[in-house]
C-alpha atoms as a PDB file:
ATOM      1  CA  MET A   1     -49.867  41.226   8.138  1.00  0.00           C
ATOM      2  CA  ARG A   2     -49.118  39.234  11.163  1.00  0.00           C
ATOM      3  CA  THR A   3     -48.667  36.151   9.361  1.00  0.00           C
ATOM      4  CA  HIS A   4     -46.376  37.949   6.772  1.00  0.00           C
ATOM      5  CA  LEU A   5     -44.342  39.378   9.657  1.00  0.00           C
ATOM      6  CA  THR A   6     -44.157  35.995  11.364  1.00  0.00           C
ATOM      7  CA  ALA A   7     -43.113  34.187   8.082  1.00  0.00           C
ATOM      8  CA  TRP A   8     -40.470  37.075   7.516  1.00  0.00           C
ATOM      9  CA  GLY A   9     -39.230  36.730  11.175  1.00  0.00           C
ATOM     10  CA  GLY A  10     -38.878  33.001  10.777  1.00  0.00           C
ATOM     11  CA  ALA A  11     -36.913  33.359   7.513  1.00  0.00           C
ATOM     12  CA  LEU A  12     -34.721  36.147   9.088  1.00  0.00           C
ATOM     13  CA  ALA A  13     -34.041  33.842  12.110  1.00  0.00           C
ATOM     14  CA  LEU A  14     -33.022  31.005   9.828  1.00  0.00           C
ATOM     15  CA  SER A  15     -30.870  33.116   7.710  1.00  0.00           C
ATOM     16  CA  LEU A  16     -29.085  34.555  10.795  1.00  0.00           C
ATOM     17  CA  ALA A  17     -28.740  31.001  12.200  1.00  0.00           C
ATOM     18  CA  LEU A  18     -27.059  29.802   8.888  1.00  0.00           C
ATOM     19  CA  GLY A  19     -24.902  32.876   8.836  1.00  0.00           C
ATOM     20  CA  LEU A  20     -23.645  32.183  12.336  1.00  0.00           C
ATOM     21  CA  ALA A  21     -22.951  28.540  11.587  1.00  0.00           C
ATOM     22  CA  GLY A  22     -21.334  29.122   8.267  1.00  0.00           C
ATOM     23  CA  PRO A  23     -17.737  29.816   9.617  1.00  0.00           C
ATOM     24  CA  ALA A  24     -18.076  26.991  12.108  1.00  0.00           C
ATOM     25  CA  ILE A  25     -19.075  24.307   9.463  1.00  0.00           C
ATOM     26  CA  ALA A  26     -16.965  25.505   6.548  1.00  0.00           C
ATOM     27  CA  GLN A  27     -15.443  22.277   5.250  1.00  0.00           C
ATOM     28  CA  THR A  28     -12.817  21.106   2.771  1.00  0.00           C
ATOM     29  CA  LYS A  29     -13.786  17.622   1.416  1.00  0.00           C
ATOM     30  CA  TRP A  30     -11.170  15.305  -0.013  1.00  0.00           C
ATOM     31  CA  ASN A  31     -11.273  11.872  -1.624  1.00  0.00           C
ATOM     32  CA  LEU A  32      -8.910   9.138  -0.747  1.00  0.00           C
ATOM     33  CA  PRO A  33      -8.677   6.213  -2.949  1.00  0.00           C
ATOM     34  CA  GLY A  34      -7.221   2.973  -1.794  1.00  0.00           C
ATOM     35  CA  ALA A  35      -6.751  -0.407  -3.588  1.00  0.00           C
ATOM     36  CA  TYR A  36      -7.365  -2.919  -0.852  1.00  0.00           C
ATOM     37  CA  SER A  37     -10.554  -4.337   0.681  1.00  0.00           C
ATOM     38  CA  ALA A  38     -12.505  -2.504   3.249  1.00  0.00           C
ATOM     39  CA  ASP A  39     -11.487  -4.973   6.027  1.00  0.00           C
ATOM     40  CA  ASN A  40      -7.838  -5.086   5.070  1.00  0.00           C
ATOM     41  CA  TYR A  41      -5.733  -3.344   7.871  1.00  0.00           C
ATOM     42  CA  HIS A  42      -4.319  -0.772   5.486  1.00  0.00           C
ATOM     43  CA  SER A  43      -7.902   0.256   4.642  1.00  0.00           C
ATOM     44  CA  GLU A  44      -8.917   0.383   8.190  1.00  0.00           C
ATOM     45  CA  ASN A  45      -6.028   2.411   9.100  1.00  0.00           C
ATOM     46  CA  LEU A  46      -6.995   4.843   6.345  1.00  0.00           C
ATOM     47  CA  VAL A  47     -10.516   5.234   7.987  1.00  0.00           C
ATOM     48  CA  PHE A  48      -8.903   5.732  11.507  1.00  0.00           C
ATOM     49  CA  PHE A  49      -6.697   8.331   9.898  1.00  0.00           C
ATOM     50  CA  SER A  50      -9.630  10.069   8.291  1.00  0.00           C
ATOM     51  CA  LYS A  51     -11.449  10.364  11.604  1.00  0.00           C
ATOM     52  CA  GLU A  52      -8.376  11.681  13.265  1.00  0.00           C
ATOM     53  CA  VAL A  53      -7.996  14.266  10.562  1.00  0.00           C
ATOM     54  CA  GLU A  54     -11.662  15.316  11.203  1.00  0.00           C
ATOM     55  CA  LYS A  55     -11.018  15.567  14.968  1.00  0.00           C
ATOM     56  CA  ASN A  56      -7.567  17.373  14.710  1.00  0.00           C
ATOM     57  CA  THR A  57      -9.057  19.970  12.242  1.00  0.00           C
ATOM     58  CA  GLY A  58     -12.316  20.458  14.141  1.00  0.00           C
ATOM     59  CA  GLY A  59     -14.132  19.229  11.234  1.00  0.00           C
ATOM     60  CA  LYS A  60     -12.682  21.574   8.708  1.00  0.00           C
ATOM     61  CA  LEU A  61     -11.031  18.894   6.519  1.00  0.00           C
ATOM     62  CA  GLN A  62     -13.180  15.842   5.860  1.00  0.00           C
ATOM     63  CA  ILE A  63     -11.758  12.808   3.964  1.00  0.00           C
ATOM     64  CA  THR A  64     -13.737  10.068   2.312  1.00  0.00           C
ATOM     65  CA  VAL A  65     -11.901   6.755   1.956  1.00  0.00           C
ATOM     66  CA  HIS A  66     -12.728   4.567  -1.169  1.00  0.00           C
ATOM     67  CA  PRO A  67     -11.220   1.105  -0.641  1.00  0.00           C
ATOM     68  CA  GLY A  68     -11.011  -1.782  -2.873  1.00  0.00           C
ATOM     69  CA  ALA A  69     -10.014   0.053  -6.039  1.00  0.00           C
ATOM     70  CA  SER A  70     -13.524   1.493  -6.096  1.00  0.00           C
ATOM     71  CA  LEU A  71     -12.442   4.946  -7.203  1.00  0.00           C
ATOM     72  CA  PHE A  72      -9.202   4.145  -9.169  1.00  0.00           C
ATOM     73  CA  LYS A  73      -7.453   0.921  -9.913  1.00  0.00           C
ATOM     74  CA  ALA A  74      -4.229   0.390  -8.032  1.00  0.00           C
ATOM     75  CA  PRO A  75      -1.734   1.582 -10.845  1.00  0.00           C
ATOM     76  CA  GLU A  76      -3.967   4.608 -11.565  1.00  0.00           C
ATOM     77  CA  ILE A  77      -4.076   6.056  -7.938  1.00  0.00           C
ATOM     78  CA  LYS A  78      -0.643   7.826  -8.030  1.00  0.00           C
ATOM     79  CA  ARG A  79      -1.388   9.559 -11.156  1.00  0.00           C
ATOM     80  CA  ALA A  80      -4.900  10.501  -9.930  1.00  0.00           C
ATOM     81  CA  VAL A  81      -3.451  12.279  -6.942  1.00  0.00           C
ATOM     82  CA  ALA A  82      -0.648  13.957  -8.983  1.00  0.00           C
ATOM     83  CA  THR A  83      -3.307  15.311 -11.401  1.00  0.00           C
ATOM     84  CA  GLY A  84      -5.545  16.542  -8.777  1.00  0.00           C
ATOM     85  CA  GLN A  85      -8.466  13.965  -9.510  1.00  0.00           C
ATOM     86  CA  ALA A  86      -8.064  12.987  -5.920  1.00  0.00           C
ATOM     87  CA  GLN A  87      -6.467  14.909  -3.099  1.00  0.00           C
ATOM     88  CA  LEU A  88      -4.460  12.052  -1.622  1.00  0.00           C
ATOM     89  CA  GLY A  89      -4.305   8.284  -2.100  1.00  0.00           C
ATOM     90  CA  GLU A  90      -2.614   5.035  -0.805  1.00  0.00           C
ATOM     91  CA  VAL A  91      -0.205   3.455  -3.281  1.00  0.00           C
ATOM     92  CA  LEU A  92       1.967   0.291  -3.218  1.00  0.00           C
ATOM     93  CA  ILE A  93       4.964   2.379  -4.177  1.00  0.00           C
ATOM     94  CA  SER A  94       6.808  -0.572  -5.957  1.00  0.00           C
ATOM     95  CA  LEU A  95       4.062  -0.461  -8.638  1.00  0.00           C
ATOM     96  CA  HIS A  96       5.828   2.619  -9.932  1.00  0.00           C
ATOM     97  CA  GLU A  97       9.333   1.308 -10.173  1.00  0.00           C
ATOM     98  CA  ASN A  98       9.541   1.798 -13.996  1.00  0.00           C
ATOM     99  CA  GLU A  99       9.349   5.671 -13.142  1.00  0.00           C
ATOM    100  CA  ASP A 100      12.297   5.420 -10.846  1.00  0.00           C
ATOM    101  CA  PRO A 101      14.139   2.514  -9.255  1.00  0.00           C
ATOM    102  CA  ILE A 102      14.027   4.184  -5.976  1.00  0.00           C
ATOM    103  CA  PHE A 103      10.317   3.256  -5.747  1.00  0.00           C
ATOM    104  CA  GLY A 104      11.015  -0.568  -5.894  1.00  0.00           C
ATOM    105  CA  VAL A 105      14.028  -1.013  -3.597  1.00  0.00           C
ATOM    106  CA  ASP A 106      11.777  -2.462  -0.768  1.00  0.00           C
ATOM    107  CA  THR A 107      10.792  -5.292  -3.003  1.00  0.00           C
ATOM    108  CA  ILE A 108      14.301  -6.721  -3.687  1.00  0.00           C
ATOM    109  CA  PRO A 109      14.097 -10.296  -2.363  1.00  0.00           C
ATOM    110  CA  PHE A 110      16.055 -10.842   0.872  1.00  0.00           C
ATOM    111  CA  LEU A 111      17.613  -7.371   0.978  1.00  0.00           C
ATOM    112  CA  ALA A 112      15.386  -6.534   4.076  1.00  0.00           C
ATOM    113  CA  SER A 113      13.207  -9.345   5.274  1.00  0.00           C
ATOM    114  CA  SER A 114      12.497  -8.163   9.018  1.00  0.00           C
ATOM    115  CA  TYR A 115      10.431  -5.117   9.951  1.00  0.00           C
ATOM    116  CA  ALA A 116      13.386  -3.609  11.615  1.00  0.00           C
ATOM    117  CA  ASP A 117      15.430  -3.851   8.589  1.00  0.00           C
ATOM    118  CA  THR A 118      12.502  -2.700   6.193  1.00  0.00           C
ATOM    119  CA  LYS A 119      12.030   0.365   8.410  1.00  0.00           C
ATOM    120  CA  LYS A 120      15.818   1.150   8.149  1.00  0.00           C
ATOM    121  CA  LEU A 121      15.746   0.592   4.338  1.00  0.00           C
ATOM    122  CA  HIS A 122      12.717   2.970   4.094  1.00  0.00           C
ATOM    123  CA  GLU A 123      14.552   5.670   6.129  1.00  0.00           C
ATOM    124  CA  ALA A 124      17.665   5.260   3.902  1.00  0.00           C
ATOM    125  CA  ARG A 125      15.790   5.966   0.768  1.00  0.00           C
ATOM    126  CA  LYS A 126      13.398   8.604   2.255  1.00  0.00           C
ATOM    127  CA  ALA A 127      15.296  11.600   1.102  1.00  0.00           C
ATOM    128  CA  ALA A 128      15.562  10.295  -2.500  1.00  0.00           C
ATOM    129  CA  ILE A 129      11.933   9.209  -2.688  1.00  0.00           C
ATOM    130  CA  THR A 130      10.699  12.440  -1.194  1.00  0.00           C
ATOM    131  CA  ALA A 131      12.668  14.425  -3.828  1.00  0.00           C
ATOM    132  CA  LYS A 132      11.358  12.294  -6.727  1.00  0.00           C
ATOM    133  CA  LEU A 133       7.704  12.779  -5.459  1.00  0.00           C
ATOM    134  CA  ASP A 134       8.211  16.547  -5.025  1.00  0.00           C
ATOM    135  CA  SER A 135       9.049  16.753  -8.752  1.00  0.00           C
ATOM    136  CA  GLN A 136       5.885  15.039  -9.503  1.00  0.00           C
ATOM    137  CA  GLY A 137       3.770  17.420  -7.415  1.00  0.00           C
ATOM    138  CA  LEU A 138       3.434  14.979  -4.663  1.00  0.00           C
ATOM    139  CA  MET A 139       4.358  14.787  -0.995  1.00  0.00           C
ATOM    140  CA  LEU A 140       4.872  11.748   1.256  1.00  0.00           C
ATOM    141  CA  LEU A 141       2.494  11.802   4.081  1.00  0.00           C
ATOM    142  CA  TYR A 142       3.063   8.295   5.742  1.00  0.00           C
ATOM    143  CA  ALA A 143       4.200   4.772   5.068  1.00  0.00           C
ATOM    144  CA  VAL A 144       2.944   1.427   6.295  1.00  0.00           C
ATOM    145  CA  PRO A 145       4.367  -2.081   5.632  1.00  0.00           C
ATOM    146  CA  TRP A 146       2.600  -5.289   4.435  1.00  0.00           C
ATOM    147  CA  GLY A 147       3.444  -8.622   5.946  1.00  0.00           C
ATOM    148  CA  PRO A 148       6.527 -10.733   4.773  1.00  0.00           C
ATOM    149  CA  GLN A 149       6.135 -12.045   1.364  1.00  0.00           C
ATOM    150  CA  GLY A 150       5.745 -15.862   0.931  1.00  0.00           C
ATOM    151  CA  LEU A 151       5.081 -18.315  -1.974  1.00  0.00           C
ATOM    152  CA  TYR A 152       1.522 -19.555  -2.686  1.00  0.00           C
ATOM    153  CA  ALA A 153       0.974 -22.556  -4.934  1.00  0.00           C
ATOM    154  CA  LYS A 154      -1.427 -25.242  -5.812  1.00  0.00           C
ATOM    155  CA  LYS A 155       1.148 -28.181  -5.328  1.00  0.00           C
ATOM    156  CA  ASP A 156       4.384 -28.882  -3.424  1.00  0.00           C
ATOM    157  CA  ILE A 157       7.236 -26.482  -4.451  1.00  0.00           C
ATOM    158  CA  ASN A 158      10.555 -28.032  -3.325  1.00  0.00           C
ATOM    159  CA  SER A 159      12.850 -25.975  -5.593  1.00  0.00           C
ATOM    160  CA  ILE A 160      12.754 -23.151  -8.111  1.00  0.00           C
ATOM    161  CA  ASP A 161      12.424 -25.713 -10.862  1.00  0.00           C
ATOM    162  CA  ASP A 162       9.029 -26.640  -9.574  1.00  0.00           C
ATOM    163  CA  LEU A 163       7.857 -23.105 -10.638  1.00  0.00           C
ATOM    164  CA  LYS A 164       8.719 -23.648 -14.307  1.00  0.00           C
ATOM    165  CA  GLY A 165       5.742 -23.424 -16.597  1.00  0.00           C
ATOM    166  CA  LEU A 166       3.348 -22.328 -13.765  1.00  0.00           C
ATOM    167  CA  LYS A 167       1.087 -19.194 -14.339  1.00  0.00           C
ATOM    168  CA  MET A 168       2.656 -16.872 -11.725  1.00  0.00           C
ATOM    169  CA  ARG A 169       0.918 -13.634 -10.537  1.00  0.00           C
ATOM    170  CA  THR A 170       3.082 -10.649 -10.964  1.00  0.00           C
ATOM    171  CA  TYR A 171       2.153  -6.910 -10.064  1.00  0.00           C
ATOM    172  CA  ASN A 172       5.485  -4.957 -10.257  1.00  0.00           C
ATOM    173  CA  VAL A 173       8.893  -5.137 -11.859  1.00  0.00           C
ATOM    174  CA  GLY A 174      10.369  -7.177  -9.067  1.00  0.00           C
ATOM    175  CA  THR A 175       7.755  -9.977  -9.115  1.00  0.00           C
ATOM    176  CA  THR A 176       7.843  -9.899 -13.043  1.00  0.00           C
ATOM    177  CA  ARG A 177      11.460 -10.661 -12.933  1.00  0.00           C
ATOM    178  CA  ILE A 178      11.270 -13.342 -10.283  1.00  0.00           C
ATOM    179  CA  ALA A 179       8.791 -15.160 -12.588  1.00  0.00           C
ATOM    180  CA  GLU A 180      11.057 -14.792 -15.467  1.00  0.00           C
ATOM    181  CA  LEU A 181      14.169 -16.077 -13.616  1.00  0.00           C
ATOM    182  CA  ALA A 182      12.180 -19.099 -12.297  1.00  0.00           C
ATOM    183  CA  GLY A 183      10.887 -19.888 -15.702  1.00  0.00           C
ATOM    184  CA  ALA A 184       7.374 -19.253 -14.776  1.00  0.00           C
ATOM    185  CA  GLN A 185       4.707 -17.522 -16.975  1.00  0.00           C
ATOM    186  CA  GLY A 186       4.052 -14.101 -15.513  1.00  0.00           C
ATOM    187  CA  VAL A 187       0.559 -12.676 -15.416  1.00  0.00           C
ATOM    188  CA  THR A 188      -0.075  -9.085 -14.302  1.00  0.00           C
ATOM    189  CA  ILE A 189      -2.811  -9.220 -11.531  1.00  0.00           C
ATOM    190  CA  GLN A 190      -3.427  -6.429  -9.083  1.00  0.00           C
ATOM    191  CA  ALA A 191      -4.678  -7.475  -5.609  1.00  0.00           C
ATOM    192  CA  ALA A 192      -8.366  -6.554  -6.073  1.00  0.00           C
ATOM    193  CA  GLU A 193      -8.432  -8.768  -9.242  1.00  0.00           C
ATOM    194  CA  LEU A 194      -6.750 -11.700  -7.506  1.00  0.00           C
ATOM    195  CA  PRO A 195      -9.802 -13.663  -6.264  1.00  0.00           C
ATOM    196  CA  GLN A 196     -11.220 -13.759  -9.840  1.00  0.00           C
ATOM    197  CA  ALA A 197      -7.889 -14.815 -11.290  1.00  0.00           C
ATOM    198  CA  LEU A 198      -7.636 -17.667  -8.923  1.00  0.00           C
ATOM    199  CA  ALA A 199     -11.205 -18.739  -9.412  1.00  0.00           C
ATOM    200  CA  THR A 200     -10.808 -18.790 -13.291  1.00  0.00           C
ATOM    201  CA  GLY A 201      -7.378 -20.405 -13.185  1.00  0.00           C
ATOM    202  CA  ALA A 202      -5.661 -17.406 -14.652  1.00  0.00           C
ATOM    203  CA  VAL A 203      -2.801 -17.917 -12.058  1.00  0.00           C
ATOM    204  CA  ASN A 204      -1.789 -20.787  -9.915  1.00  0.00           C
ATOM    205  CA  ALA A 205       1.329 -19.524  -8.129  1.00  0.00           C
ATOM    206  CA  PHE A 206       2.187 -16.240  -6.609  1.00  0.00           C
ATOM    207  CA  MET A 207       4.226 -14.387  -3.999  1.00  0.00           C
ATOM    208  CA  THR A 208       2.365 -11.905  -1.610  1.00  0.00           C
ATOM    209  CA  SER A 209       1.598 -11.512   2.049  1.00  0.00           C
ATOM    210  CA  GLY A 210      -0.577 -13.430   4.410  1.00  0.00           C
ATOM    211  CA  ALA A 211      -2.844 -10.437   4.254  1.00  0.00           C
ATOM    212  CA  THR A 212      -3.514 -10.449   0.514  1.00  0.00           C
ATOM    213  CA  GLY A 213      -3.912 -14.282   0.676  1.00  0.00           C
ATOM    214  CA  TYR A 214      -6.551 -13.957   3.476  1.00  0.00           C
ATOM    215  CA  ASP A 215      -8.260 -11.171   1.608  1.00  0.00           C
ATOM    216  CA  SER A 216      -8.514 -13.183  -1.500  1.00  0.00           C
ATOM    217  CA  LYS A 217      -9.680 -16.297   0.290  1.00  0.00           C
ATOM    218  CA  VAL A 218      -6.907 -18.313  -1.380  1.00  0.00           C
ATOM    219  CA  TRP A 219      -7.823 -21.386   0.477  1.00  0.00           C
ATOM    220  CA  GLU A 220     -10.543 -21.955  -1.882  1.00  0.00           C
ATOM    221  CA  THR A 221      -8.179 -22.618  -4.815  1.00  0.00           C
ATOM    222  CA  VAL A 222      -4.691 -22.848  -3.389  1.00  0.00           C
ATOM    223  CA  SER A 223      -3.199 -25.504  -0.854  1.00  0.00           C
ATOM    224  CA  HIS A 224       0.279 -24.449  -0.120  1.00  0.00           C
ATOM    225  CA  TYR A 225       1.957 -21.336   1.522  1.00  0.00           C
ATOM    226  CA  TYR A 226       5.656 -21.114   2.052  1.00  0.00           C
ATOM    227  CA  ASP A 227       6.598 -18.612   4.591  1.00  0.00           C
ATOM    228  CA  CYS A 228       9.810 -17.245   2.782  1.00  0.00           C
ATOM    229  CA  GLN A 229       9.828 -13.820   4.390  1.00  0.00           C
ATOM    230  CA  ALA A 230      11.364 -12.714   1.284  1.00  0.00           C
ATOM    231  CA  TRP A 231      10.649  -9.000   1.453  1.00  0.00           C
ATOM    232  CA  ILE A 232       8.313  -6.614   3.141  1.00  0.00           C
ATOM    233  CA  PRO A 233       6.711  -4.177   0.605  1.00  0.00           C
ATOM    234  CA  ILE A 234       5.533  -0.737   1.685  1.00  0.00           C
ATOM    235  CA  ASN A 235       2.337   1.216   0.962  1.00  0.00           C
ATOM    236  CA  VAL A 236       2.567   5.125   1.052  1.00  0.00           C
ATOM    237  CA  VAL A 237      -0.144   7.739   1.367  1.00  0.00           C
ATOM    238  CA  LEU A 238       0.680  10.438  -0.997  1.00  0.00           C
ATOM    239  CA  VAL A 239      -0.859  14.030  -0.922  1.00  0.00           C
ATOM    240  CA  ASN A 240      -1.221  16.382  -3.904  1.00  0.00           C
ATOM    241  CA  LYS A 241       0.998  19.294  -3.120  1.00  0.00           C
ATOM    242  CA  ALA A 242      -1.169  21.992  -4.334  1.00  0.00           C
ATOM    243  CA  ALA A 243      -4.235  20.705  -2.448  1.00  0.00           C
ATOM    244  CA  PHE A 244      -1.931  20.596   0.740  1.00  0.00           C
ATOM    245  CA  ALA A 245      -0.816  24.327   0.058  1.00  0.00           C
ATOM    246  CA  SER A 246      -4.419  25.370  -0.137  1.00  0.00           C
ATOM    247  CA  LEU A 247      -5.046  24.468   3.516  1.00  0.00           C
ATOM    248  CA  ASP A 248      -4.460  26.849   6.342  1.00  0.00           C
ATOM    249  CA  LYS A 249      -1.497  26.201   8.701  1.00  0.00           C
ATOM    250  CA  ALA A 250      -3.703  24.842  11.380  1.00  0.00           C
ATOM    251  CA  THR A 251      -5.388  22.353   9.107  1.00  0.00           C
ATOM    252  CA  GLN A 252      -2.045  21.285   7.581  1.00  0.00           C
ATOM    253  CA  ASP A 253      -0.779  20.637  11.070  1.00  0.00           C
ATOM    254  CA  GLY A 254      -3.856  18.452  11.881  1.00  0.00           C
ATOM    255  CA  LEU A 255      -3.204  16.385   8.681  1.00  0.00           C
ATOM    256  CA  LEU A 256       0.435  15.952   9.431  1.00  0.00           C
ATOM    257  CA  GLN A 257      -0.306  14.886  12.997  1.00  0.00           C
ATOM    258  CA  ALA A 258      -2.828  12.359  11.887  1.00  0.00           C
ATOM    259  CA  GLY A 259      -0.436  11.025   9.243  1.00  0.00           C
ATOM    260  CA  ALA A 260       2.366  10.324  11.904  1.00  0.00           C
ATOM    261  CA  ALA A 261      -0.238   8.737  14.242  1.00  0.00           C
ATOM    262  CA  ALA A 262      -1.461   6.479  11.235  1.00  0.00           C
ATOM    263  CA  GLN A 263       2.134   5.454  10.361  1.00  0.00           C
ATOM    264  CA  GLU A 264       2.968   4.408  13.983  1.00  0.00           C
ATOM    265  CA  ARG A 265      -0.305   2.567  14.295  1.00  0.00           C
ATOM    266  CA  GLY A 266       0.254   0.822  10.916  1.00  0.00           C
ATOM    267  CA  TRP A 267       3.640  -0.571  11.701  1.00  0.00           C
ATOM    268  CA  LYS A 268       2.353  -1.917  14.931  1.00  0.00           C
ATOM    269  CA  VAL A 269      -0.681  -3.497  13.453  1.00  0.00           C
ATOM    270  CA  ALA A 270       1.230  -4.923  10.456  1.00  0.00           C
ATOM    271  CA  GLN A 271       3.622  -6.948  12.778  1.00  0.00           C
ATOM    272  CA  GLU A 272       0.631  -8.214  14.996  1.00  0.00           C
ATOM    273  CA  LYS A 273      -1.456  -9.138  11.895  1.00  0.00           C
ATOM    274  CA  ALA A 274       1.238 -10.980  10.101  1.00  0.00           C
ATOM    275  CA  VAL A 275       0.947 -13.918  12.596  1.00  0.00           C
ATOM    276  CA  TRP A 276      -2.709 -13.776  12.691  1.00  0.00           C
ATOM    277  CA  TYR A 277      -3.159 -14.035   8.981  1.00  0.00           C
ATOM    278  CA  LEU A 278      -0.837 -17.233   8.809  1.00  0.00           C
ATOM    279  CA  ASP A 279      -2.840 -18.713  11.588  1.00  0.00           C
ATOM    280  CA  GLN A 280      -6.086 -18.083   9.664  1.00  0.00           C
ATOM    281  CA  LEU A 281      -4.614 -19.890   6.563  1.00  0.00           C
ATOM    282  CA  ARG A 282      -3.798 -22.961   8.483  1.00  0.00           C
ATOM    283  CA  ALA A 283      -7.322 -22.879  10.040  1.00  0.00           C
ATOM    284  CA  LYS A 284      -8.620 -22.937   6.674  1.00  0.00           C
ATOM    285  CA  GLY A 285      -6.772 -26.161   5.961  1.00  0.00           C
ATOM    286  CA  MET A 286      -3.855 -24.732   4.027  1.00  0.00           C
ATOM    287  CA  LYS A 287      -0.315 -26.223   4.457  1.00  0.00           C
ATOM    288  CA  VAL A 288       1.654 -23.438   5.827  1.00  0.00           C
ATOM    289  CA  GLU A 289       5.436 -24.184   6.264  1.00  0.00           C
ATOM    290  CA  LYS A 290       8.882 -22.835   5.758  1.00  0.00           C
ATOM    291  CA  PRO A 291      10.506 -23.436   2.477  1.00  0.00           C
ATOM    292  CA  GLY A 292      12.937 -26.276   2.160  1.00  0.00           C
ATOM    293  CA  PRO A 293      16.689 -25.895   1.751  1.00  0.00           C
ATOM    294  CA  ALA A 294      16.591 -26.084  -2.082  1.00  0.00           C
ATOM    295  CA  LEU A 295      13.808 -23.637  -2.676  1.00  0.00           C
ATOM    296  CA  MET A 296      15.371 -21.130  -0.253  1.00  0.00           C
ATOM    297  CA  ALA A 297      18.684 -21.398  -1.922  1.00  0.00           C
ATOM    298  CA  GLY A 298      17.097 -20.773  -5.280  1.00  0.00           C
ATOM    299  CA  LEU A 299      15.093 -17.881  -4.093  1.00  0.00           C
ATOM    300  CA  LYS A 300      18.114 -16.186  -2.472  1.00  0.00           C
ATOM    301  CA  LYS A 301      20.105 -16.783  -5.826  1.00  0.00           C
ATOM    302  CA  ILE A 302      17.300 -14.810  -7.599  1.00  0.00           C
ATOM    303  CA  GLY A 303      17.411 -12.188  -4.755  1.00  0.00           C
ATOM    304  CA  GLU A 304      21.269 -11.717  -5.304  1.00  0.00           C
ATOM    305  CA  GLN A 305      20.796 -11.243  -9.057  1.00  0.00           C
ATOM    306  CA  LEU A 306      17.923  -8.689  -8.644  1.00  0.00           C
ATOM    307  CA  THR A 307      20.006  -6.736  -6.058  1.00  0.00           C
ATOM    308  CA  GLY A 308      22.718  -6.419  -8.627  1.00  0.00           C
ATOM    309  CA  ASP A 309      20.332  -5.637 -11.388  1.00  0.00           C
ATOM    310  CA  TRP A 310      18.742  -2.902  -9.131  1.00  0.00           C
ATOM    311  CA  ILE A 311      21.930  -1.223  -8.258  1.00  0.00           C
ATOM    312  CA  ALA A 312      23.135  -1.169 -11.839  1.00  0.00           C
ATOM    313  CA  LYS A 313      19.844   0.347 -13.013  1.00  0.00           C
ATOM    314  CA  ALA A 314      19.650   2.924 -10.075  1.00  0.00           C
ATOM    315  CA  GLY A 315      23.121   4.096 -10.584  1.00  0.00           C
ATOM    316  CA  PRO A 316      25.058   6.209  -8.111  1.00  0.00           C
ATOM    317  CA  ALA A 317      21.842   7.283  -6.414  1.00  0.00           C
ATOM    318  CA  GLY A 318      20.792   3.745  -5.723  1.00  0.00           C
ATOM    319  CA  LYS A 319      24.272   2.821  -4.305  1.00  0.00           C
ATOM    320  CA  VAL A 320      23.942   5.796  -1.856  1.00  0.00           C
ATOM    321  CA  VAL A 321      20.555   4.200  -0.553  1.00  0.00           C
ATOM    322  CA  ILE A 322      22.093   0.656  -0.417  1.00  0.00           C
ATOM    323  CA  ASP A 323      25.276   1.996   1.293  1.00  0.00           C
ATOM    324  CA  ALA A 324      23.248   4.044   3.788  1.00  0.00           C
ATOM    325  CA  TYR A 325      20.983   1.095   4.538  1.00  0.00           C
ATOM    326  CA  ARG A 326      23.939  -1.446   5.053  1.00  0.00           C
ATOM    327  CA  LYS A 327      25.978   1.031   7.178  1.00  0.00           C
END
């Protein structure tokens, strides 16, 4: 009998302990897919963000980060969040310019080449982008830029004509048009697939940041980098609206606070790392230099054409954004 009572008492004590602990450890678990390598600063910022969310919410909301396109490929992340397959995700928003031109304004060459101008451009389009995302069941949590975009190649590029016939990596509407206008052969390759594409010779020229070049170990196959500072694309972290609405007010506030902190941290780190990445390319033996006058003139001519094309495509709503930015 004593043994029975002791066992029963132990079970009662355990059930009471679990019962008392239940409300304290009640958790909501979310998944956050990203498209970039775990040691890329965007992915590292996502991890910092997830830890701040857990801290801000007292552990009530826990977010697992899935970097490197390990959960969804880059073009799939936005739809995955909108359909609730993931509760939030990081997206290079210009990947979705085909849905709405407003998503691609940050990749128009030479419209906004500095971080200050890029931030101003993002603020100018924020109302339009928020409204579009809202109609898709999404909310914008925060935005963080990449480094300025430059040109990588396996040979000297002195003018736009030198790009003719090259296999040029593209990943959105803007880069596809640049390849077309330069007479290059566009090949759609997302960041996670770039190392393999370079190794197999699928591409031999492309425009991207120092960060993506470093992550892809481009020095193993590419010899030249031209620091064009053509544009500064933006990543956004999107949240499924229904998932957000399911959180209590305190948890929502904790998530929003962590997002604001992640945005501030991300802009700061992006600017610091932009210089560091180019130093690393030089240290690996790459030729890193400013584009010559002929190449720069050709790129700016393409930029002017793409600006006009974008405004025509975006219509009055696009003109409002451009006018607000240039004000």
